[in-house]
Amino acid sequence: MKYLFILLLLCAVGAKAQNGLTFDKRLLECENKWIAMSLDSESTYAYGFVYLDYSAGLTFDCYGSFTIDSGIYKPKTVDNQRSRIQPTEVKVAIIPAERLKELAVEEFPTKYKNYAGNSNTNYRYIKFIQIYNSWKEYNVASKYVLALSETERGAPSYIEQDPIDKNKKIRKTFEITTANFGNYAKKAEAYKKDIFMLTQANKMEEAEQTYLHALIYCSDEAFKADMAYNITYQYYKNANREKFDFWCKEINRWIIPQDIYRDKIKMMAGKL
């Protein structure tokens, strides 16, 4: 009986290996990866792509679910459903590249290249300082602090002692100040008003720059989408299709409770 149990265990391990799924990764470790999450049923998995939005943080873009039939991944797709990733102990599996064809997805979809950007930018480092601090990975956060340029790293608020650790363990904290990013620290309502007034005056370059500053300080994604919409609408009025298309993508970047812009954008696109 003992040997039979060992044989069955080996068969189960072999099956997991054949399926290519090992649930040993935290979401924090899965940037630019296709992942699978185990659902209530052991044979059904949710799948999607993890990417970093420099302004919003790590994001999971769910494509649907799949089952495994005779070793083949059988997907059931749904409309993409995005969610921002928060600290969690849930473990996921990275889907092997050779299995992505079965899910009919690219290894690195074009739509995420706009988010990838330059892997060595300060915006990226700053966002990862925030993320790793929130996950209490202070040692990792410190590496990103050191990677920042001297200009961005100058504020003393980046480094302070961890009150829990009496052995002088360093905790890296992140606090955006006007000294770091220019004297433009206003509330979201003020930014929204500024952008609206600039678009009405057709000062589009200034409106875009104001929007970029607002992203640093504004955490409300509905406000960000609204500001992006004001810019998009003005480019529609200017009949500038290239800029209109770009800013439509910017609106879709944000996760809002109800997609109140989809029909408006579709109507405007049809008229341009």
C-alpha atoms as a PDB file:
ATOM      1  CA  MET A   1       0.000   0.000   0.000  1.00  0.00           C
ATOM      2  CA  LYS A   2       2.878   2.327   0.829  1.00  0.00           C
ATOM      3  CA  TYR A   3       4.449   1.774  -2.596  1.00  0.00           C
ATOM      4  CA  LEU A   4       1.105   2.332  -4.322  1.00  0.00           C
ATOM      5  CA  PHE A   5       0.769   5.704  -2.538  1.00  0.00           C
ATOM      6  CA  ILE A   6       4.274   6.733  -3.645  1.00  0.00           C
ATOM      7  CA  LEU A   7       3.504   5.705  -7.232  1.00  0.00           C
ATOM      8  CA  LEU A   8       0.286   7.746  -7.270  1.00  0.00           C
ATOM      9  CA  LEU A   9       2.139  10.750  -5.831  1.00  0.00           C
ATOM     10  CA  LEU A  10       4.802  10.509  -8.526  1.00  0.00           C
ATOM     11  CA  CYS A  11       2.121  10.309 -11.195  1.00  0.00           C
ATOM     12  CA  ALA A  12       0.448  13.439  -9.784  1.00  0.00           C
ATOM     13  CA  VAL A  13       3.745  15.327  -9.740  1.00  0.00           C
ATOM     14  CA  GLY A  14       4.415  14.195 -13.281  1.00  0.00           C
ATOM     15  CA  ALA A  15       1.012  15.446 -14.389  1.00  0.00           C
ATOM     16  CA  LYS A  16       1.655  18.888 -12.891  1.00  0.00           C
ATOM     17  CA  ALA A  17       5.002  19.055 -14.629  1.00  0.00           C
ATOM     18  CA  GLN A  18       3.437  18.023 -17.929  1.00  0.00           C
ATOM     19  CA  ASN A  19       0.810  20.754 -17.603  1.00  0.00           C
ATOM     20  CA  GLY A  20       3.625  23.241 -17.097  1.00  0.00           C
ATOM     21  CA  LEU A  21       2.052  24.976 -14.093  1.00  0.00           C
ATOM     22  CA  THR A  22       3.847  25.422 -10.794  1.00  0.00           C
ATOM     23  CA  PHE A  23       2.110  27.736  -8.345  1.00  0.00           C
ATOM     24  CA  ASP A  24       5.161  29.133  -6.595  1.00  0.00           C
ATOM     25  CA  LYS A  25       5.307  32.815  -7.665  1.00  0.00           C
ATOM     26  CA  ARG A  26       3.996  35.927  -5.973  1.00  0.00           C
ATOM     27  CA  LEU A  27       2.294  38.460  -8.241  1.00  0.00           C
ATOM     28  CA  LEU A  28       5.086  40.857  -7.320  1.00  0.00           C
ATOM     29  CA  GLU A  29       7.492  38.613  -9.240  1.00  0.00           C
ATOM     30  CA  CYS A  30       5.456  38.373 -12.441  1.00  0.00           C
ATOM     31  CA  GLU A  31       5.903  41.652 -14.327  1.00  0.00           C
ATOM     32  CA  ASN A  32       5.549  41.169 -18.101  1.00  0.00           C
ATOM     33  CA  LYS A  33       4.505  37.539 -17.627  1.00  0.00           C
ATOM     34  CA  TRP A  34       1.433  35.500 -18.480  1.00  0.00           C
ATOM     35  CA  ILE A  35       0.156  33.894 -15.312  1.00  0.00           C
ATOM     36  CA  ALA A  36      -2.426  31.335 -14.239  1.00  0.00           C
ATOM     37  CA  MET A  37      -4.451  31.419 -11.029  1.00  0.00           C
ATOM     38  CA  SER A  38      -6.124  28.340  -9.651  1.00  0.00           C
ATOM     39  CA  LEU A  39      -9.908  28.770  -9.371  1.00  0.00           C
ATOM     40  CA  ASP A  40     -12.345  26.821  -7.178  1.00  0.00           C
ATOM     41  CA  SER A  41     -12.068  23.848  -9.478  1.00  0.00           C
ATOM     42  CA  GLU A  42      -8.586  22.330  -9.613  1.00  0.00           C
ATOM     43  CA  SER A  43      -8.933  21.860 -13.355  1.00  0.00           C
ATOM     44  CA  THR A  44      -9.906  25.455 -14.196  1.00  0.00           C
ATOM     45  CA  TYR A  45      -7.515  28.388 -14.194  1.00  0.00           C
ATOM     46  CA  ALA A  46      -7.880  32.113 -14.726  1.00  0.00           C
ATOM     47  CA  TYR A  47      -5.165  33.557 -16.943  1.00  0.00           C
ATOM     48  CA  GLY A  48      -3.886  36.980 -17.898  1.00  0.00           C
ATOM     49  CA  PHE A  49      -0.925  39.312 -18.220  1.00  0.00           C
ATOM     50  CA  VAL A  50       0.849  41.272 -15.478  1.00  0.00           C
ATOM     51  CA  TYR A  51       2.325  44.654 -16.399  1.00  0.00           C
ATOM     52  CA  LEU A  52       3.499  47.819 -14.701  1.00  0.00           C
ATOM     53  CA  ASP A  53       1.662  51.072 -15.227  1.00  0.00           C
ATOM     54  CA  TYR A  54       4.091  53.773 -14.101  1.00  0.00           C
ATOM     55  CA  SER A  55       1.298  55.897 -12.645  1.00  0.00           C
ATOM     56  CA  ALA A  56      -1.035  53.232 -11.277  1.00  0.00           C
ATOM     57  CA  GLY A  57       1.225  50.322 -10.333  1.00  0.00           C
ATOM     58  CA  LEU A  58       1.286  46.615 -11.070  1.00  0.00           C
ATOM     59  CA  THR A  59      -1.804  45.540 -12.977  1.00  0.00           C
ATOM     60  CA  PHE A  60      -3.363  42.183 -13.835  1.00  0.00           C
ATOM     61  CA  ASP A  61      -5.195  42.065 -17.172  1.00  0.00           C
ATOM     62  CA  CYS A  62      -7.445  38.993 -17.077  1.00  0.00           C
ATOM     63  CA  TYR A  63      -8.234  37.396 -20.440  1.00  0.00           C
ATOM     64  CA  GLY A  64     -10.459  34.566 -19.251  1.00  0.00           C
ATOM     65  CA  SER A  65     -10.045  31.014 -18.034  1.00  0.00           C
ATOM     66  CA  PHE A  66      -8.787  27.719 -19.378  1.00  0.00           C
ATOM     67  CA  THR A  67      -9.009  24.026 -18.650  1.00  0.00           C
ATOM     68  CA  ILE A  68      -6.479  21.335 -19.463  1.00  0.00           C
ATOM     69  CA  ASP A  69      -7.747  18.492 -21.621  1.00  0.00           C
ATOM     70  CA  SER A  70      -5.341  15.675 -22.495  1.00  0.00           C
ATOM     71  CA  GLY A  71      -2.451  18.012 -21.726  1.00  0.00           C
ATOM     72  CA  ILE A  72      -3.792  20.793 -24.004  1.00  0.00           C
ATOM     73  CA  TYR A  73      -4.822  24.220 -22.727  1.00  0.00           C
ATOM     74  CA  LYS A  74      -8.419  24.984 -23.737  1.00  0.00           C
ATOM     75  CA  PRO A  75      -9.168  28.716 -23.270  1.00  0.00           C
ATOM     76  CA  LYS A  76     -12.486  30.454 -22.716  1.00  0.00           C
ATOM     77  CA  THR A  77     -11.941  34.151 -23.309  1.00  0.00           C
ATOM     78  CA  VAL A  78     -13.890  37.100 -21.921  1.00  0.00           C
ATOM     79  CA  ASP A  79     -13.619  40.853 -22.349  1.00  0.00           C
ATOM     80  CA  ASN A  80     -10.421  41.996 -20.683  1.00  0.00           C
ATOM     81  CA  GLN A  81     -10.909  42.770 -16.998  1.00  0.00           C
ATOM     82  CA  ARG A  82      -8.100  44.705 -15.355  1.00  0.00           C
ATOM     83  CA  SER A  83      -7.356  45.037 -11.673  1.00  0.00           C
ATOM     84  CA  ARG A  84      -4.563  46.746  -9.756  1.00  0.00           C
ATOM     85  CA  ILE A  85      -2.431  44.302  -7.807  1.00  0.00           C
ATOM     86  CA  GLN A  86      -2.379  44.766  -4.039  1.00  0.00           C
ATOM     87  CA  PRO A  87      -0.119  42.986  -1.524  1.00  0.00           C
ATOM     88  CA  THR A  88      -1.213  39.366  -1.177  1.00  0.00           C
ATOM     89  CA  GLU A  89       0.226  35.974  -0.285  1.00  0.00           C
ATOM     90  CA  VAL A  90      -1.605  34.254  -3.160  1.00  0.00           C
ATOM     91  CA  LYS A  91       0.770  32.184  -5.295  1.00  0.00           C
ATOM     92  CA  VAL A  92       0.368  31.977  -9.076  1.00  0.00           C
ATOM     93  CA  ALA A  93       2.008  30.064 -11.909  1.00  0.00           C
ATOM     94  CA  ILE A  94       3.909  31.580 -14.808  1.00  0.00           C
ATOM     95  CA  ILE A  95       2.591  30.063 -18.031  1.00  0.00           C
ATOM     96  CA  PRO A  96       5.468  28.623 -20.095  1.00  0.00           C
ATOM     97  CA  ALA A  97       6.117  30.466 -23.358  1.00  0.00           C
ATOM     98  CA  GLU A  98       5.640  27.299 -25.394  1.00  0.00           C
ATOM     99  CA  ARG A  99       2.052  26.963 -24.130  1.00  0.00           C
ATOM    100  CA  LEU A 100       0.941  30.473 -25.110  1.00  0.00           C
ATOM    101  CA  LYS A 101      -0.015  29.377 -28.640  1.00  0.00           C
ATOM    102  CA  GLU A 102      -2.683  27.168 -27.123  1.00  0.00           C
ATOM    103  CA  LEU A 103      -4.154  30.274 -25.478  1.00  0.00           C
ATOM    104  CA  ALA A 104      -3.844  32.249 -28.750  1.00  0.00           C
ATOM    105  CA  VAL A 105      -1.801  35.055 -27.176  1.00  0.00           C
ATOM    106  CA  GLU A 106       1.561  36.659 -27.935  1.00  0.00           C
ATOM    107  CA  GLU A 107       4.435  36.323 -25.485  1.00  0.00           C
ATOM    108  CA  PHE A 108       4.602  40.119 -25.181  1.00  0.00           C
ATOM    109  CA  PRO A 109       1.490  41.730 -26.705  1.00  0.00           C
ATOM    110  CA  THR A 110       1.946  45.012 -28.560  1.00  0.00           C
ATOM    111  CA  LYS A 111      -0.619  46.784 -26.376  1.00  0.00           C
ATOM    112  CA  TYR A 112       1.713  46.578 -23.375  1.00  0.00           C
ATOM    113  CA  LYS A 113       4.772  48.021 -25.107  1.00  0.00           C
ATOM    114  CA  ASN A 114       3.578  51.536 -24.309  1.00  0.00           C
ATOM    115  CA  TYR A 115       3.785  50.616 -20.628  1.00  0.00           C
ATOM    116  CA  ALA A 116       7.161  48.901 -20.836  1.00  0.00           C
ATOM    117  CA  GLY A 117       9.014  52.064 -21.865  1.00  0.00           C
ATOM    118  CA  ASN A 118      12.610  52.520 -20.784  1.00  0.00           C
ATOM    119  CA  SER A 119      13.375  49.978 -18.091  1.00  0.00           C
ATOM    120  CA  ASN A 120      15.790  52.418 -16.426  1.00  0.00           C
ATOM    121  CA  THR A 121      13.578  55.499 -16.054  1.00  0.00           C
ATOM    122  CA  ASN A 122      13.098  57.284 -12.752  1.00  0.00           C
ATOM    123  CA  TYR A 123       9.324  56.943 -13.095  1.00  0.00           C
ATOM    124  CA  ARG A 124       9.759  53.186 -13.071  1.00  0.00           C
ATOM    125  CA  TYR A 125      12.095  53.245 -10.080  1.00  0.00           C
ATOM    126  CA  ILE A 126       9.767  55.542  -8.156  1.00  0.00           C
ATOM    127  CA  LYS A 127       6.772  53.311  -8.733  1.00  0.00           C
ATOM    128  CA  PHE A 128       8.711  50.232  -7.634  1.00  0.00           C
ATOM    129  CA  ILE A 129       9.842  52.021  -4.460  1.00  0.00           C
ATOM    130  CA  GLN A 130       6.166  52.543  -3.657  1.00  0.00           C
ATOM    131  CA  ILE A 131       5.208  48.989  -4.592  1.00  0.00           C
ATOM    132  CA  TYR A 132       7.962  47.209  -2.660  1.00  0.00           C
ATOM    133  CA  ASN A 133       7.371  49.394   0.387  1.00  0.00           C
ATOM    134  CA  SER A 134       3.682  48.447   0.335  1.00  0.00           C
ATOM    135  CA  TRP A 135       4.692  44.760   0.189  1.00  0.00           C
ATOM    136  CA  LYS A 136       7.144  45.403   3.081  1.00  0.00           C
ATOM    137  CA  GLU A 137      10.073  44.442   0.838  1.00  0.00           C
ATOM    138  CA  TYR A 138      12.229  47.266   2.153  1.00  0.00           C
ATOM    139  CA  ASN A 139      15.565  45.825   1.050  1.00  0.00           C
ATOM    140  CA  VAL A 140      14.369  45.570  -2.554  1.00  0.00           C
ATOM    141  CA  ALA A 141      12.890  49.069  -2.394  1.00  0.00           C
ATOM    142  CA  SER A 142      16.281  50.376  -1.283  1.00  0.00           C
ATOM    143  CA  LYS A 143      17.887  49.091  -4.493  1.00  0.00           C
ATOM    144  CA  TYR A 144      15.507  51.223  -6.547  1.00  0.00           C
ATOM    145  CA  VAL A 145      16.238  54.235  -4.362  1.00  0.00           C
ATOM    146  CA  LEU A 146      19.923  53.847  -5.141  1.00  0.00           C
ATOM    147  CA  ALA A 147      19.119  53.540  -8.844  1.00  0.00           C
ATOM    148  CA  LEU A 148      17.408  56.938  -8.918  1.00  0.00           C
ATOM    149  CA  SER A 149      19.336  59.868 -10.282  1.00  0.00           C
ATOM    150  CA  GLU A 150      20.935  62.193  -7.751  1.00  0.00           C
ATOM    151  CA  THR A 151      18.315  64.857  -8.555  1.00  0.00           C
ATOM    152  CA  GLU A 152      15.389  62.613  -7.643  1.00  0.00           C
ATOM    153  CA  ARG A 153      17.162  60.981  -4.710  1.00  0.00           C
ATOM    154  CA  GLY A 154      18.061  64.186  -2.913  1.00  0.00           C
ATOM    155  CA  ALA A 155      15.159  64.403  -0.467  1.00  0.00           C
ATOM    156  CA  PRO A 156      15.940  62.909   2.978  1.00  0.00           C
ATOM    157  CA  SER A 157      12.418  61.443   3.168  1.00  0.00           C
ATOM    158  CA  TYR A 158      13.593  58.451   1.135  1.00  0.00           C
ATOM    159  CA  ILE A 159      15.539  56.946   4.047  1.00  0.00           C
ATOM    160  CA  GLU A 160      14.523  56.523   7.659  1.00  0.00           C
ATOM    161  CA  GLN A 161      14.969  53.959  10.389  1.00  0.00           C
ATOM    162  CA  ASP A 162      12.487  51.124  10.677  1.00  0.00           C
ATOM    163  CA  PRO A 163      10.896  51.630  14.119  1.00  0.00           C
ATOM    164  CA  ILE A 164      10.276  47.880  14.437  1.00  0.00           C
ATOM    165  CA  ASP A 165      13.910  46.893  13.874  1.00  0.00           C
ATOM    166  CA  LYS A 166      16.250  48.035  16.647  1.00  0.00           C
ATOM    167  CA  ASN A 167      19.275  46.749  14.715  1.00  0.00           C
ATOM    168  CA  LYS A 168      19.283  49.751  12.416  1.00  0.00           C
ATOM    169  CA  LYS A 169      17.567  47.931   9.557  1.00  0.00           C
ATOM    170  CA  ILE A 170      17.003  50.520   6.871  1.00  0.00           C
ATOM    171  CA  ARG A 171      13.489  51.048   5.574  1.00  0.00           C
ATOM    172  CA  LYS A 172      13.182  52.948   2.336  1.00  0.00           C
ATOM    173  CA  THR A 173      10.126  55.140   2.163  1.00  0.00           C
ATOM    174  CA  PHE A 174       8.823  57.158  -0.709  1.00  0.00           C
ATOM    175  CA  GLU A 175       7.362  60.618  -0.479  1.00  0.00           C
ATOM    176  CA  ILE A 176       6.971  62.806  -3.533  1.00  0.00           C
ATOM    177  CA  THR A 177       7.709  66.424  -2.684  1.00  0.00           C
ATOM    178  CA  THR A 178       7.665  69.593  -4.746  1.00  0.00           C
ATOM    179  CA  ALA A 179      11.447  69.636  -4.404  1.00  0.00           C
ATOM    180  CA  ASN A 180      11.574  66.376  -6.354  1.00  0.00           C
ATOM    181  CA  PHE A 181       9.133  67.097  -9.144  1.00  0.00           C
ATOM    182  CA  GLY A 182       8.706  70.838  -9.432  1.00  0.00           C
ATOM    183  CA  ASN A 183       6.373  73.246  -7.708  1.00  0.00           C
ATOM    184  CA  TYR A 184       3.097  71.871  -9.086  1.00  0.00           C
ATOM    185  CA  ALA A 185       1.475  70.156  -6.135  1.00  0.00           C
ATOM    186  CA  LYS A 186      -2.263  70.843  -6.498  1.00  0.00           C
ATOM    187  CA  LYS A 187      -5.333  68.859  -5.651  1.00  0.00           C
ATOM    188  CA  ALA A 188      -7.009  66.737  -8.304  1.00  0.00           C
ATOM    189  CA  GLU A 189      -9.880  69.200  -8.751  1.00  0.00           C
ATOM    190  CA  ALA A 190      -7.421  72.005  -9.453  1.00  0.00           C
ATOM    191  CA  TYR A 191      -5.597  69.917 -12.043  1.00  0.00           C
ATOM    192  CA  LYS A 192      -8.862  68.995 -13.712  1.00  0.00           C
ATOM    193  CA  LYS A 193      -9.894  72.659 -13.866  1.00  0.00           C
ATOM    194  CA  ASP A 194      -6.491  73.720 -15.226  1.00  0.00           C
ATOM    195  CA  ILE A 195      -6.597  71.123 -17.997  1.00  0.00           C
ATOM    196  CA  PHE A 196     -10.159  72.046 -18.937  1.00  0.00           C
ATOM    197  CA  MET A 197      -9.249  75.735 -19.199  1.00  0.00           C
ATOM    198  CA  LEU A 198      -6.116  74.976 -21.229  1.00  0.00           C
ATOM    199  CA  THR A 199      -8.001  72.784 -23.690  1.00  0.00           C
ATOM    200  CA  GLN A 200     -10.691  75.441 -24.082  1.00  0.00           C
ATOM    201  CA  ALA A 201      -7.926  77.904 -24.955  1.00  0.00           C
ATOM    202  CA  ASN A 202      -6.503  75.255 -27.324  1.00  0.00           C
ATOM    203  CA  LYS A 203      -3.175  75.290 -25.465  1.00  0.00           C
ATOM    204  CA  MET A 204      -2.735  71.597 -26.013  1.00  0.00           C
ATOM    205  CA  GLU A 205       0.958  71.257 -25.290  1.00  0.00           C
ATOM    206  CA  GLU A 206       0.445  72.942 -21.916  1.00  0.00           C
ATOM    207  CA  ALA A 207      -2.588  70.762 -21.237  1.00  0.00           C
ATOM    208  CA  GLU A 208      -0.575  67.613 -21.928  1.00  0.00           C
ATOM    209  CA  GLN A 209       2.278  68.738 -19.671  1.00  0.00           C
ATOM    210  CA  THR A 210      -0.185  69.597 -16.899  1.00  0.00           C
ATOM    211  CA  TYR A 211      -1.708  66.134 -17.248  1.00  0.00           C
ATOM    212  CA  LEU A 212       1.704  64.495 -16.878  1.00  0.00           C
ATOM    213  CA  HIS A 213       2.375  66.484 -13.702  1.00  0.00           C
ATOM    214  CA  ALA A 214      -1.077  65.600 -12.385  1.00  0.00           C
ATOM    215  CA  LEU A 215      -0.359  61.871 -12.713  1.00  0.00           C
ATOM    216  CA  ILE A 216       2.390  62.173 -10.118  1.00  0.00           C
ATOM    217  CA  TYR A 217       0.117  63.593  -7.457  1.00  0.00           C
ATOM    218  CA  CYS A 218      -3.362  62.339  -8.335  1.00  0.00           C
ATOM    219  CA  SER A 219      -4.223  58.806  -7.231  1.00  0.00           C
ATOM    220  CA  ASP A 220      -7.890  58.781  -8.289  1.00  0.00           C
ATOM    221  CA  GLU A 221      -8.140  56.928 -11.614  1.00  0.00           C
ATOM    222  CA  ALA A 222     -11.555  58.421 -12.398  1.00  0.00           C
ATOM    223  CA  PHE A 223     -10.004  61.902 -12.230  1.00  0.00           C
ATOM    224  CA  LYS A 224      -7.146  60.798 -14.489  1.00  0.00           C
ATOM    225  CA  ALA A 225      -9.596  59.402 -17.039  1.00  0.00           C
ATOM    226  CA  ASP A 226     -11.630  62.605 -16.918  1.00  0.00           C
ATOM    227  CA  MET A 227      -8.563  64.772 -17.496  1.00  0.00           C
ATOM    228  CA  ALA A 228      -7.493  62.557 -20.398  1.00  0.00           C
ATOM    229  CA  TYR A 229     -11.006  62.784 -21.852  1.00  0.00           C
ATOM    230  CA  ASN A 230     -10.912  66.592 -21.871  1.00  0.00           C
ATOM    231  CA  ILE A 231      -7.708  66.466 -23.918  1.00  0.00           C
ATOM    232  CA  THR A 232      -9.118  63.764 -26.206  1.00  0.00           C
ATOM    233  CA  TYR A 233     -12.272  65.756 -26.852  1.00  0.00           C
ATOM    234  CA  GLN A 234     -10.304  68.856 -27.847  1.00  0.00           C
ATOM    235  CA  TYR A 235      -8.243  66.850 -30.329  1.00  0.00           C
ATOM    236  CA  TYR A 236     -11.532  65.568 -31.728  1.00  0.00           C
ATOM    237  CA  LYS A 237     -12.682  69.171 -32.185  1.00  0.00           C
ATOM    238  CA  ASN A 238      -9.327  69.944 -33.838  1.00  0.00           C
ATOM    239  CA  ALA A 239      -9.803  66.962 -36.199  1.00  0.00           C
ATOM    240  CA  ASN A 240      -6.380  65.661 -35.171  1.00  0.00           C
ATOM    241  CA  ARG A 241      -6.874  61.912 -35.621  1.00  0.00           C
ATOM    242  CA  GLU A 242      -3.373  60.867 -34.580  1.00  0.00           C
ATOM    243  CA  LYS A 243      -3.551  62.717 -31.279  1.00  0.00           C
ATOM    244  CA  PHE A 244      -7.161  61.646 -30.770  1.00  0.00           C
ATOM    245  CA  ASP A 245      -6.245  57.970 -31.105  1.00  0.00           C
ATOM    246  CA  PHE A 246      -3.326  58.373 -28.707  1.00  0.00           C
ATOM    247  CA  TRP A 247      -5.447  59.990 -26.009  1.00  0.00           C
ATOM    248  CA  CYS A 248      -8.232  57.440 -26.430  1.00  0.00           C
ATOM    249  CA  LYS A 249      -5.676  54.843 -25.347  1.00  0.00           C
ATOM    250  CA  GLU A 250      -4.773  57.045 -22.392  1.00  0.00           C
ATOM    251  CA  ILE A 251      -8.404  57.093 -21.247  1.00  0.00           C
ATOM    252  CA  ASN A 252      -8.567  53.298 -21.496  1.00  0.00           C
ATOM    253  CA  ARG A 253      -5.454  53.061 -19.356  1.00  0.00           C
ATOM    254  CA  TRP A 254      -7.469  53.824 -16.226  1.00  0.00           C
ATOM    255  CA  ILE A 255      -9.810  51.541 -14.334  1.00  0.00           C
ATOM    256  CA  ILE A 256     -13.079  53.251 -13.513  1.00  0.00           C
ATOM    257  CA  PRO A 257     -16.288  51.789 -12.015  1.00  0.00           C
ATOM    258  CA  GLN A 258     -18.332  52.345 -15.171  1.00  0.00           C
ATOM    259  CA  ASP A 259     -16.966  52.895 -18.656  1.00  0.00           C
ATOM    260  CA  ILE A 260     -18.733  56.182 -19.266  1.00  0.00           C
ATOM    261  CA  TYR A 261     -16.417  57.134 -22.129  1.00  0.00           C
ATOM    262  CA  ARG A 262     -16.685  54.124 -24.457  1.00  0.00           C
ATOM    263  CA  ASP A 263     -19.771  55.245 -26.381  1.00  0.00           C
ATOM    264  CA  LYS A 264     -18.563  58.860 -26.580  1.00  0.00           C
ATOM    265  CA  ILE A 265     -15.188  57.815 -27.973  1.00  0.00           C
ATOM    266  CA  LYS A 266     -16.804  55.439 -30.461  1.00  0.00           C
ATOM    267  CA  MET A 267     -19.121  58.194 -31.688  1.00  0.00           C
ATOM    268  CA  MET A 268     -16.276  60.699 -32.101  1.00  0.00           C
ATOM    269  CA  ALA A 269     -14.023  58.173 -33.842  1.00  0.00           C
ATOM    270  CA  GLY A 270     -16.774  57.445 -36.353  1.00  0.00           C
ATOM    271  CA  LYS A 271     -17.005  61.149 -37.239  1.00  0.00           C
ATOM    272  CA  LEU A 272     -13.277  61.840 -37.620  1.00  0.00           C
END
